[in-house]
N, C-alpha and C. Protein backbone atom coordinates (compact mmCIF):
# COMPACT_ATOMS: atom_id res chain seq x y z
N MET A 1 22.40 -26.54 26.86
CA MET A 1 21.63 -25.59 27.64
C MET A 1 20.27 -26.19 27.96
N GLY A 2 19.52 -25.43 28.68
CA GLY A 2 18.18 -25.83 29.03
C GLY A 2 17.73 -25.11 30.27
N HIS A 3 16.46 -25.21 30.56
CA HIS A 3 15.92 -24.63 31.77
C HIS A 3 16.10 -25.63 32.90
N ALA A 4 16.75 -25.23 33.97
CA ALA A 4 17.04 -26.16 35.08
C ALA A 4 16.68 -25.56 36.42
N ASN A 5 16.31 -26.45 37.33
CA ASN A 5 16.09 -26.12 38.73
C ASN A 5 17.10 -26.94 39.53
N TYR A 6 17.74 -26.31 40.50
CA TYR A 6 18.83 -26.92 41.25
C TYR A 6 18.45 -27.06 42.72
N PHE A 7 18.96 -28.12 43.35
CA PHE A 7 18.73 -28.26 44.78
C PHE A 7 19.86 -29.05 45.42
N ALA A 8 20.08 -28.74 46.68
CA ALA A 8 21.06 -29.46 47.50
C ALA A 8 20.35 -29.76 48.81
N TYR A 9 20.53 -30.97 49.31
CA TYR A 9 19.85 -31.32 50.55
C TYR A 9 20.67 -32.32 51.35
N THR A 10 20.39 -32.35 52.63
CA THR A 10 21.04 -33.30 53.54
C THR A 10 20.00 -34.35 53.91
N PRO A 11 19.96 -35.45 53.16
CA PRO A 11 18.88 -36.42 53.33
C PRO A 11 18.87 -37.13 54.68
N GLN A 12 19.99 -37.18 55.36
CA GLN A 12 20.01 -37.85 56.66
C GLN A 12 19.98 -36.89 57.84
N ALA A 13 19.79 -35.61 57.58
CA ALA A 13 19.67 -34.62 58.66
C ALA A 13 18.37 -34.87 59.41
N GLU A 14 18.41 -34.70 60.71
CA GLU A 14 17.25 -34.96 61.56
C GLU A 14 16.02 -34.16 61.11
N ASN A 15 16.21 -32.89 60.79
CA ASN A 15 15.09 -32.05 60.37
C ASN A 15 14.50 -32.52 59.05
N PHE A 16 15.34 -32.98 58.13
CA PHE A 16 14.82 -33.48 56.86
C PHE A 16 14.05 -34.78 57.09
N LEU A 17 14.64 -35.69 57.85
CA LEU A 17 13.99 -36.97 58.11
C LEU A 17 12.66 -36.80 58.85
N SER A 18 12.62 -35.85 59.79
CA SER A 18 11.39 -35.65 60.56
C SER A 18 10.27 -35.06 59.69
N ASN A 19 10.62 -34.47 58.57
CA ASN A 19 9.63 -33.89 57.65
C ASN A 19 9.38 -34.75 56.42
N TRP A 20 10.06 -35.88 56.31
CA TRP A 20 9.97 -36.72 55.11
C TRP A 20 8.55 -37.20 54.83
N LEU A 21 7.85 -37.70 55.83
CA LEU A 21 6.49 -38.18 55.62
C LEU A 21 5.60 -37.02 55.15
N GLN A 22 5.71 -35.87 55.80
CA GLN A 22 4.91 -34.72 55.40
C GLN A 22 5.23 -34.29 53.97
N LEU A 23 6.51 -34.30 53.62
CA LEU A 23 6.91 -33.93 52.26
C LEU A 23 6.29 -34.89 51.25
N ARG A 24 6.30 -36.17 51.54
CA ARG A 24 5.70 -37.15 50.62
C ARG A 24 4.20 -36.91 50.45
N LEU A 25 3.51 -36.67 51.56
CA LEU A 25 2.07 -36.41 51.50
C LEU A 25 1.79 -35.12 50.70
N ASP A 26 2.58 -34.11 50.97
CA ASP A 26 2.40 -32.83 50.28
C ASP A 26 2.75 -32.94 48.80
N ALA A 27 3.79 -33.71 48.47
CA ALA A 27 4.16 -33.91 47.07
C ALA A 27 3.02 -34.61 46.33
N ALA A 28 2.40 -35.59 46.96
CA ALA A 28 1.26 -36.28 46.34
C ALA A 28 0.12 -35.30 46.09
N ALA A 29 -0.14 -34.42 47.04
CA ALA A 29 -1.20 -33.42 46.88
C ALA A 29 -0.86 -32.45 45.74
N ILE A 30 0.41 -32.06 45.65
CA ILE A 30 0.85 -31.16 44.57
C ILE A 30 0.66 -31.83 43.22
N LEU A 31 1.11 -33.07 43.09
CA LEU A 31 0.99 -33.77 41.80
C LEU A 31 -0.47 -33.94 41.41
N ASP A 32 -1.32 -34.29 42.38
CA ASP A 32 -2.76 -34.42 42.09
C ASP A 32 -3.34 -33.10 41.60
N LEU A 33 -3.01 -32.03 42.29
CA LEU A 33 -3.53 -30.71 41.90
C LEU A 33 -3.07 -30.33 40.49
N VAL A 34 -1.80 -30.52 40.21
CA VAL A 34 -1.26 -30.17 38.89
C VAL A 34 -1.93 -30.99 37.80
N GLU A 35 -2.10 -32.29 38.04
CA GLU A 35 -2.73 -33.14 37.02
C GLU A 35 -4.21 -32.79 36.83
N GLN A 36 -4.92 -32.59 37.94
CA GLN A 36 -6.37 -32.38 37.86
C GLN A 36 -6.76 -30.98 37.39
N THR A 37 -6.10 -29.95 37.90
CA THR A 37 -6.54 -28.59 37.58
C THR A 37 -5.82 -28.00 36.38
N GLN A 38 -4.61 -28.45 36.11
CA GLN A 38 -3.85 -27.89 34.99
C GLN A 38 -3.83 -28.82 33.78
N ASN A 39 -4.39 -30.02 33.95
CA ASN A 39 -4.44 -31.01 32.87
C ASN A 39 -3.04 -31.33 32.34
N ILE A 40 -2.10 -31.44 33.26
CA ILE A 40 -0.72 -31.79 32.93
C ILE A 40 -0.51 -33.26 33.29
N ALA A 41 -0.11 -34.05 32.31
CA ALA A 41 0.10 -35.47 32.54
C ALA A 41 1.48 -35.70 33.16
N LEU A 42 1.50 -36.32 34.32
CA LEU A 42 2.76 -36.65 34.99
C LEU A 42 2.97 -38.15 34.92
N ALA A 43 4.22 -38.55 34.95
CA ALA A 43 4.57 -39.97 34.81
C ALA A 43 5.71 -40.31 35.76
N GLY A 44 6.14 -41.55 35.68
CA GLY A 44 7.29 -42.00 36.45
C GLY A 44 8.57 -41.40 35.87
N GLY A 45 9.68 -41.76 36.46
CA GLY A 45 10.96 -41.18 36.09
C GLY A 45 11.33 -41.26 34.63
N ALA A 46 10.98 -42.33 33.96
CA ALA A 46 11.32 -42.50 32.54
C ALA A 46 10.30 -41.84 31.61
N GLY A 47 9.32 -41.16 32.19
CA GLY A 47 8.29 -40.56 31.36
C GLY A 47 7.15 -41.50 31.06
N THR A 48 7.18 -42.68 31.70
CA THR A 48 6.12 -43.67 31.54
C THR A 48 5.64 -44.10 32.92
N GLY A 49 4.54 -44.80 32.95
CA GLY A 49 4.03 -45.28 34.23
C GLY A 49 3.50 -44.14 35.08
N VAL A 50 3.55 -44.35 36.39
CA VAL A 50 3.02 -43.35 37.31
C VAL A 50 4.15 -42.78 38.18
N PRO A 51 3.95 -41.56 38.68
CA PRO A 51 4.96 -41.00 39.58
C PRO A 51 5.16 -41.92 40.78
N ARG A 52 6.37 -41.88 41.32
CA ARG A 52 6.72 -42.71 42.47
C ARG A 52 6.87 -41.83 43.71
N ILE A 53 6.04 -42.10 44.70
CA ILE A 53 6.17 -41.44 46.01
C ILE A 53 6.03 -42.55 47.02
N ASP A 54 7.14 -42.88 47.68
CA ASP A 54 7.13 -43.98 48.65
C ASP A 54 8.08 -43.67 49.80
N ASP A 55 8.37 -44.67 50.61
CA ASP A 55 9.24 -44.47 51.79
C ASP A 55 10.63 -43.98 51.42
N ASP A 56 11.08 -44.28 50.21
CA ASP A 56 12.45 -44.00 49.82
C ASP A 56 12.64 -42.81 48.88
N ALA A 57 11.60 -42.42 48.15
CA ALA A 57 11.84 -41.41 47.11
C ALA A 57 10.55 -40.74 46.62
N ILE A 58 10.77 -39.58 46.01
CA ILE A 58 9.75 -38.87 45.24
C ILE A 58 10.37 -38.74 43.84
N VAL A 59 9.75 -39.38 42.85
CA VAL A 59 10.32 -39.42 41.50
C VAL A 59 9.21 -39.24 40.47
N PHE A 60 9.41 -38.29 39.56
CA PHE A 60 8.42 -38.11 38.49
C PHE A 60 9.04 -37.36 37.31
N ASN A 61 8.27 -37.32 36.24
CA ASN A 61 8.67 -36.66 35.00
C ASN A 61 7.38 -36.26 34.29
N GLY A 62 7.49 -35.59 33.17
CA GLY A 62 6.34 -35.37 32.32
C GLY A 62 6.07 -36.65 31.54
N LEU A 63 4.94 -36.70 30.87
CA LEU A 63 4.54 -37.90 30.13
C LEU A 63 5.21 -37.94 28.76
N MET A 64 5.98 -38.99 28.51
CA MET A 64 6.69 -39.15 27.24
C MET A 64 5.73 -39.23 26.06
N ALA A 65 4.65 -39.96 26.19
CA ALA A 65 3.70 -40.14 25.09
C ALA A 65 3.11 -38.81 24.61
N ALA A 66 3.09 -37.81 25.48
CA ALA A 66 2.58 -36.49 25.11
C ALA A 66 3.72 -35.53 24.76
N ASP A 67 4.94 -36.06 24.69
CA ASP A 67 6.14 -35.25 24.44
C ASP A 67 6.30 -34.15 25.48
N GLU A 68 5.95 -34.48 26.74
CA GLU A 68 6.05 -33.52 27.83
C GLU A 68 7.10 -33.94 28.86
N ASP A 69 7.92 -34.93 28.52
CA ASP A 69 8.97 -35.37 29.45
C ASP A 69 10.27 -34.67 29.11
N TYR A 70 11.17 -34.66 30.06
CA TYR A 70 12.53 -34.17 29.82
C TYR A 70 13.44 -34.92 30.78
N GLU A 71 13.87 -34.30 31.85
CA GLU A 71 14.70 -35.04 32.82
C GLU A 71 13.87 -35.40 34.05
N THR A 72 14.26 -36.49 34.66
CA THR A 72 13.57 -36.98 35.85
C THR A 72 13.87 -36.10 37.05
N PHE A 73 12.83 -35.81 37.82
CA PHE A 73 12.98 -35.13 39.10
C PHE A 73 12.97 -36.19 40.18
N ALA A 74 13.94 -36.15 41.09
CA ALA A 74 14.00 -37.16 42.16
C ALA A 74 14.59 -36.57 43.43
N ILE A 75 13.90 -36.81 44.53
CA ILE A 75 14.43 -36.57 45.87
C ILE A 75 14.45 -37.94 46.53
N GLU A 76 15.64 -38.38 46.94
CA GLU A 76 15.78 -39.72 47.49
C GLU A 76 16.38 -39.66 48.89
N LEU A 77 15.94 -40.57 49.75
CA LEU A 77 16.53 -40.65 51.09
C LEU A 77 17.93 -41.23 51.06
N GLU A 78 18.18 -42.12 50.11
CA GLU A 78 19.50 -42.74 49.96
C GLU A 78 20.05 -42.46 48.56
N PRO A 79 20.40 -41.22 48.28
CA PRO A 79 20.91 -40.91 46.94
C PRO A 79 22.25 -41.58 46.69
N GLN A 80 22.59 -41.75 45.43
CA GLN A 80 23.85 -42.41 45.07
C GLN A 80 25.06 -41.63 45.53
N PHE A 81 24.95 -40.31 45.56
CA PHE A 81 26.10 -39.49 45.91
C PHE A 81 25.78 -38.55 47.06
N ARG A 82 26.64 -38.56 48.07
CA ARG A 82 26.62 -37.56 49.15
C ARG A 82 28.06 -37.17 49.37
N ASP A 83 28.32 -35.89 49.54
CA ASP A 83 29.70 -35.47 49.75
C ASP A 83 30.10 -35.65 51.21
N GLU A 84 31.31 -35.26 51.53
CA GLU A 84 31.83 -35.45 52.89
C GLU A 84 31.05 -34.67 53.94
N ARG A 85 30.31 -33.66 53.51
CA ARG A 85 29.48 -32.89 54.44
C ARG A 85 28.10 -33.52 54.61
N GLY A 86 27.81 -34.56 53.83
CA GLY A 86 26.53 -35.24 53.94
C GLY A 86 25.44 -34.68 53.04
N PHE A 87 25.80 -33.77 52.13
CA PHE A 87 24.73 -33.27 51.28
C PHE A 87 24.82 -33.79 49.86
N THR A 88 23.67 -33.81 49.25
CA THR A 88 23.50 -34.25 47.87
C THR A 88 23.11 -33.05 47.05
N TYR A 89 23.73 -32.93 45.90
CA TYR A 89 23.39 -31.86 44.97
C TYR A 89 22.72 -32.51 43.76
N SER A 90 21.66 -31.89 43.28
CA SER A 90 21.00 -32.42 42.10
C SER A 90 20.35 -31.27 41.32
N PHE A 91 19.87 -31.58 40.16
CA PHE A 91 19.14 -30.61 39.36
C PHE A 91 18.20 -31.36 38.44
N CYS A 92 17.27 -30.63 37.90
CA CYS A 92 16.32 -31.21 36.97
C CYS A 92 16.10 -30.21 35.86
N LYS A 93 16.58 -30.55 34.66
CA LYS A 93 16.27 -29.74 33.48
C LYS A 93 14.87 -30.14 33.04
N THR A 94 14.04 -29.14 32.85
CA THR A 94 12.66 -29.43 32.47
C THR A 94 12.34 -28.98 31.05
N GLY A 95 13.36 -28.61 30.29
CA GLY A 95 13.12 -28.23 28.91
C GLY A 95 14.36 -27.62 28.28
N ASP A 96 14.30 -27.46 26.96
CA ASP A 96 15.42 -26.85 26.23
C ASP A 96 15.49 -25.36 26.49
N VAL A 97 14.69 -24.62 25.81
CA VAL A 97 14.70 -23.16 25.97
C VAL A 97 13.69 -22.74 27.04
N ARG A 98 12.50 -23.33 26.95
CA ARG A 98 11.45 -23.05 27.93
C ARG A 98 11.11 -24.35 28.64
N PRO A 99 10.68 -24.25 29.89
CA PRO A 99 10.34 -25.46 30.63
C PRO A 99 9.09 -26.14 30.08
N LYS A 100 9.08 -27.46 30.18
CA LYS A 100 7.89 -28.24 29.83
C LYS A 100 6.88 -28.05 30.96
N PRO A 101 5.62 -28.41 30.73
CA PRO A 101 4.58 -28.16 31.73
C PRO A 101 4.85 -28.78 33.11
N TYR A 102 5.53 -29.93 33.18
CA TYR A 102 5.74 -30.56 34.48
C TYR A 102 6.67 -29.77 35.39
N ASP A 103 7.31 -28.73 34.84
CA ASP A 103 8.13 -27.83 35.65
C ASP A 103 7.32 -27.25 36.80
N MET A 104 6.03 -27.06 36.58
CA MET A 104 5.14 -26.55 37.62
C MET A 104 5.16 -27.46 38.85
N ALA A 105 5.11 -28.76 38.64
CA ALA A 105 5.15 -29.71 39.75
C ALA A 105 6.54 -29.76 40.38
N VAL A 106 7.57 -29.70 39.56
CA VAL A 106 8.95 -29.73 40.06
C VAL A 106 9.19 -28.55 41.00
N THR A 107 8.85 -27.35 40.56
CA THR A 107 9.12 -26.17 41.38
C THR A 107 8.26 -26.17 42.65
N ALA A 108 7.03 -26.63 42.55
CA ALA A 108 6.16 -26.66 43.74
C ALA A 108 6.67 -27.67 44.77
N VAL A 109 7.14 -28.84 44.33
CA VAL A 109 7.68 -29.83 45.28
C VAL A 109 8.99 -29.32 45.88
N MET A 110 9.84 -28.72 45.05
CA MET A 110 11.09 -28.16 45.58
C MET A 110 10.81 -27.08 46.62
N LEU A 111 9.87 -26.21 46.33
CA LEU A 111 9.53 -25.14 47.27
C LEU A 111 8.96 -25.71 48.56
N ARG A 112 8.17 -26.76 48.44
CA ARG A 112 7.61 -27.39 49.66
C ARG A 112 8.71 -28.01 50.49
N ALA A 113 9.66 -28.69 49.86
CA ALA A 113 10.78 -29.29 50.60
C ALA A 113 11.57 -28.20 51.31
N HIS A 114 11.81 -27.09 50.62
CA HIS A 114 12.55 -25.98 51.24
C HIS A 114 11.76 -25.36 52.38
N THR A 115 10.45 -25.23 52.21
CA THR A 115 9.60 -24.64 53.25
C THR A 115 9.57 -25.51 54.50
N LEU A 116 9.48 -26.82 54.31
CA LEU A 116 9.44 -27.74 55.45
C LEU A 116 10.78 -27.87 56.17
N ALA A 117 11.88 -27.81 55.43
CA ALA A 117 13.21 -28.02 56.02
C ALA A 117 14.20 -27.02 55.40
N PRO A 118 14.04 -25.73 55.68
CA PRO A 118 14.86 -24.71 55.00
C PRO A 118 16.37 -24.85 55.25
N ASN A 119 16.76 -25.37 56.39
CA ASN A 119 18.19 -25.55 56.66
C ASN A 119 18.76 -26.80 56.04
N CYS A 120 17.89 -27.66 55.53
CA CYS A 120 18.33 -28.94 54.97
C CYS A 120 18.07 -29.07 53.47
N PHE A 121 17.33 -28.14 52.89
CA PHE A 121 16.96 -28.24 51.48
C PHE A 121 17.08 -26.85 50.86
N ALA A 122 18.14 -26.63 50.09
CA ALA A 122 18.39 -25.35 49.44
C ALA A 122 18.01 -25.45 47.97
N ILE A 123 17.50 -24.36 47.42
CA ILE A 123 17.05 -24.36 46.03
C ILE A 123 17.62 -23.19 45.24
N ASP A 124 17.69 -23.38 43.93
CA ASP A 124 18.07 -22.33 43.00
C ASP A 124 17.45 -22.69 41.65
N SER A 125 17.43 -21.76 40.72
CA SER A 125 16.76 -22.01 39.45
C SER A 125 17.26 -21.07 38.37
N ASP A 126 17.15 -21.53 37.12
CA ASP A 126 17.36 -20.64 35.98
C ASP A 126 16.15 -19.72 35.82
N GLY A 127 15.03 -20.15 36.38
CA GLY A 127 13.80 -19.35 36.31
C GLY A 127 13.81 -18.24 37.34
N ASP A 128 13.10 -17.18 37.03
CA ASP A 128 13.02 -16.02 37.91
C ASP A 128 11.97 -16.26 39.00
N TRP A 129 12.31 -15.94 40.24
CA TRP A 129 11.41 -16.12 41.38
C TRP A 129 10.09 -15.37 41.17
N ASP A 130 10.19 -14.16 40.66
CA ASP A 130 9.00 -13.32 40.51
C ASP A 130 8.23 -13.56 39.22
N GLU A 131 8.69 -14.50 38.42
CA GLU A 131 7.98 -14.82 37.18
C GLU A 131 7.71 -16.31 37.06
N HIS A 132 8.76 -17.12 36.96
CA HIS A 132 8.61 -18.55 36.72
C HIS A 132 8.13 -19.34 37.94
N TRP A 133 8.29 -18.79 39.13
CA TRP A 133 7.90 -19.51 40.35
C TRP A 133 6.57 -19.03 40.92
N LEU A 134 5.84 -18.19 40.20
CA LEU A 134 4.55 -17.69 40.70
C LEU A 134 3.54 -18.82 40.90
N THR A 135 3.51 -19.77 39.98
CA THR A 135 2.56 -20.87 40.11
C THR A 135 2.90 -21.76 41.30
N ALA A 136 4.18 -22.05 41.50
CA ALA A 136 4.58 -22.84 42.67
C ALA A 136 4.16 -22.14 43.96
N ARG A 137 4.32 -20.84 43.99
CA ARG A 137 3.93 -20.06 45.17
C ARG A 137 2.41 -20.10 45.37
N ALA A 138 1.66 -20.01 44.26
CA ALA A 138 0.20 -20.07 44.34
C ALA A 138 -0.28 -21.44 44.82
N ILE A 139 0.38 -22.49 44.37
CA ILE A 139 0.04 -23.84 44.82
C ILE A 139 0.22 -23.95 46.32
N HIS A 140 1.29 -23.39 46.85
CA HIS A 140 1.53 -23.40 48.29
C HIS A 140 0.43 -22.69 49.05
N LYS A 141 0.05 -21.56 48.53
CA LYS A 141 -1.00 -20.79 49.20
C LYS A 141 -2.32 -21.57 49.20
N LEU A 142 -2.63 -22.19 48.07
CA LEU A 142 -3.88 -22.93 47.93
C LEU A 142 -3.90 -24.20 48.79
N LEU A 143 -2.85 -25.02 48.68
CA LEU A 143 -2.84 -26.32 49.37
C LEU A 143 -2.45 -26.24 50.84
N PHE A 144 -1.49 -25.39 51.16
CA PHE A 144 -0.92 -25.42 52.50
C PHE A 144 -1.21 -24.15 53.30
N HIS A 145 -1.93 -23.23 52.69
CA HIS A 145 -2.33 -21.98 53.35
C HIS A 145 -1.13 -21.23 53.91
N THR A 146 -0.03 -21.31 53.16
CA THR A 146 1.17 -20.58 53.55
C THR A 146 1.61 -19.73 52.37
N ASN A 147 2.26 -18.65 52.68
CA ASN A 147 2.79 -17.77 51.65
C ASN A 147 4.30 -17.85 51.72
N PRO A 148 4.95 -18.43 50.70
CA PRO A 148 6.41 -18.55 50.73
C PRO A 148 7.13 -17.20 50.72
N GLY A 149 6.37 -16.11 50.64
CA GLY A 149 6.98 -14.79 50.73
C GLY A 149 7.38 -14.22 49.39
N MET A 150 7.72 -12.98 49.45
CA MET A 150 8.11 -12.27 48.24
C MET A 150 9.61 -12.33 48.01
N GLU A 151 10.36 -12.60 49.06
CA GLU A 151 11.81 -12.69 48.94
C GLU A 151 12.21 -14.04 48.34
N SER A 152 13.09 -14.01 47.40
CA SER A 152 13.56 -15.24 46.78
C SER A 152 14.32 -16.10 47.80
N PRO A 153 13.99 -17.39 47.89
CA PRO A 153 14.72 -18.29 48.78
C PRO A 153 15.92 -18.94 48.08
N PHE A 154 16.23 -18.50 46.87
CA PHE A 154 17.30 -19.13 46.10
C PHE A 154 18.65 -18.96 46.78
N THR A 155 19.44 -20.01 46.73
CA THR A 155 20.80 -20.01 47.24
C THR A 155 21.74 -20.06 46.04
N PRO A 156 22.38 -18.95 45.70
CA PRO A 156 23.31 -18.98 44.56
C PRO A 156 24.44 -19.98 44.83
N ASN A 157 24.92 -20.59 43.78
CA ASN A 157 25.99 -21.59 43.88
C ASN A 157 25.62 -22.74 44.81
N VAL A 158 24.36 -23.15 44.76
CA VAL A 158 23.87 -24.19 45.67
C VAL A 158 24.69 -25.48 45.55
N HIS A 159 25.26 -25.73 44.38
CA HIS A 159 26.03 -26.95 44.19
C HIS A 159 27.34 -26.95 44.97
N THR A 160 27.86 -25.79 45.30
CA THR A 160 29.08 -25.75 46.11
C THR A 160 28.80 -25.35 47.55
N VAL A 161 27.79 -24.54 47.76
CA VAL A 161 27.47 -24.06 49.10
C VAL A 161 26.67 -25.09 49.88
N GLY A 162 25.68 -25.68 49.24
CA GLY A 162 24.83 -26.67 49.90
C GLY A 162 23.86 -26.04 50.87
N PRO A 163 23.07 -26.85 51.53
CA PRO A 163 22.10 -26.33 52.50
C PRO A 163 22.83 -25.89 53.78
N ALA A 164 22.14 -25.08 54.56
CA ALA A 164 22.73 -24.56 55.80
C ALA A 164 23.17 -25.68 56.74
N ALA A 165 22.40 -26.75 56.80
CA ALA A 165 22.74 -27.85 57.72
C ALA A 165 24.07 -28.48 57.39
N ALA A 166 24.46 -28.45 56.12
CA ALA A 166 25.73 -29.03 55.73
C ALA A 166 26.91 -28.09 56.02
N ARG A 167 26.59 -26.81 56.23
CA ARG A 167 27.63 -25.84 56.48
C ARG A 167 27.98 -25.72 57.96
N LEU A 168 27.18 -26.31 58.82
CA LEU A 168 27.40 -26.21 60.27
C LEU A 168 28.62 -26.96 60.73
């Protein structure tokens, strides 16, 4: 078991690709905000080094040395697996019973990806939209001056349903 956030996306969809640069810039802003204002140490995928945001991927974890790491969060343009519909399903467990602090960055980046490309990036979570995702929503309001709304954007069974673009 564990606390997990789920996502499915179509990395080669035109709408996703056209928003990729913006997503990378916004992810960098989210990670900076989380590290600076919340004093949460973020690291590269293995829990060491620095987060990776480049032309090919957004990859980060909590800091292993502070015992704040768990599973790596990664959005990649060329993921190892894509199904016949062209979508990739992934998830990131951020803790055993309760999420580790880096969950704040994971949910905020996932929400930003969904906001930028809602038909290409579907999200779901073990966490409650009205409780566990409040900080991600506040980050959006602060950084991007947008309100992700009160309605949950979660797509149940995201691993089988996928994003809307894959269902077309």
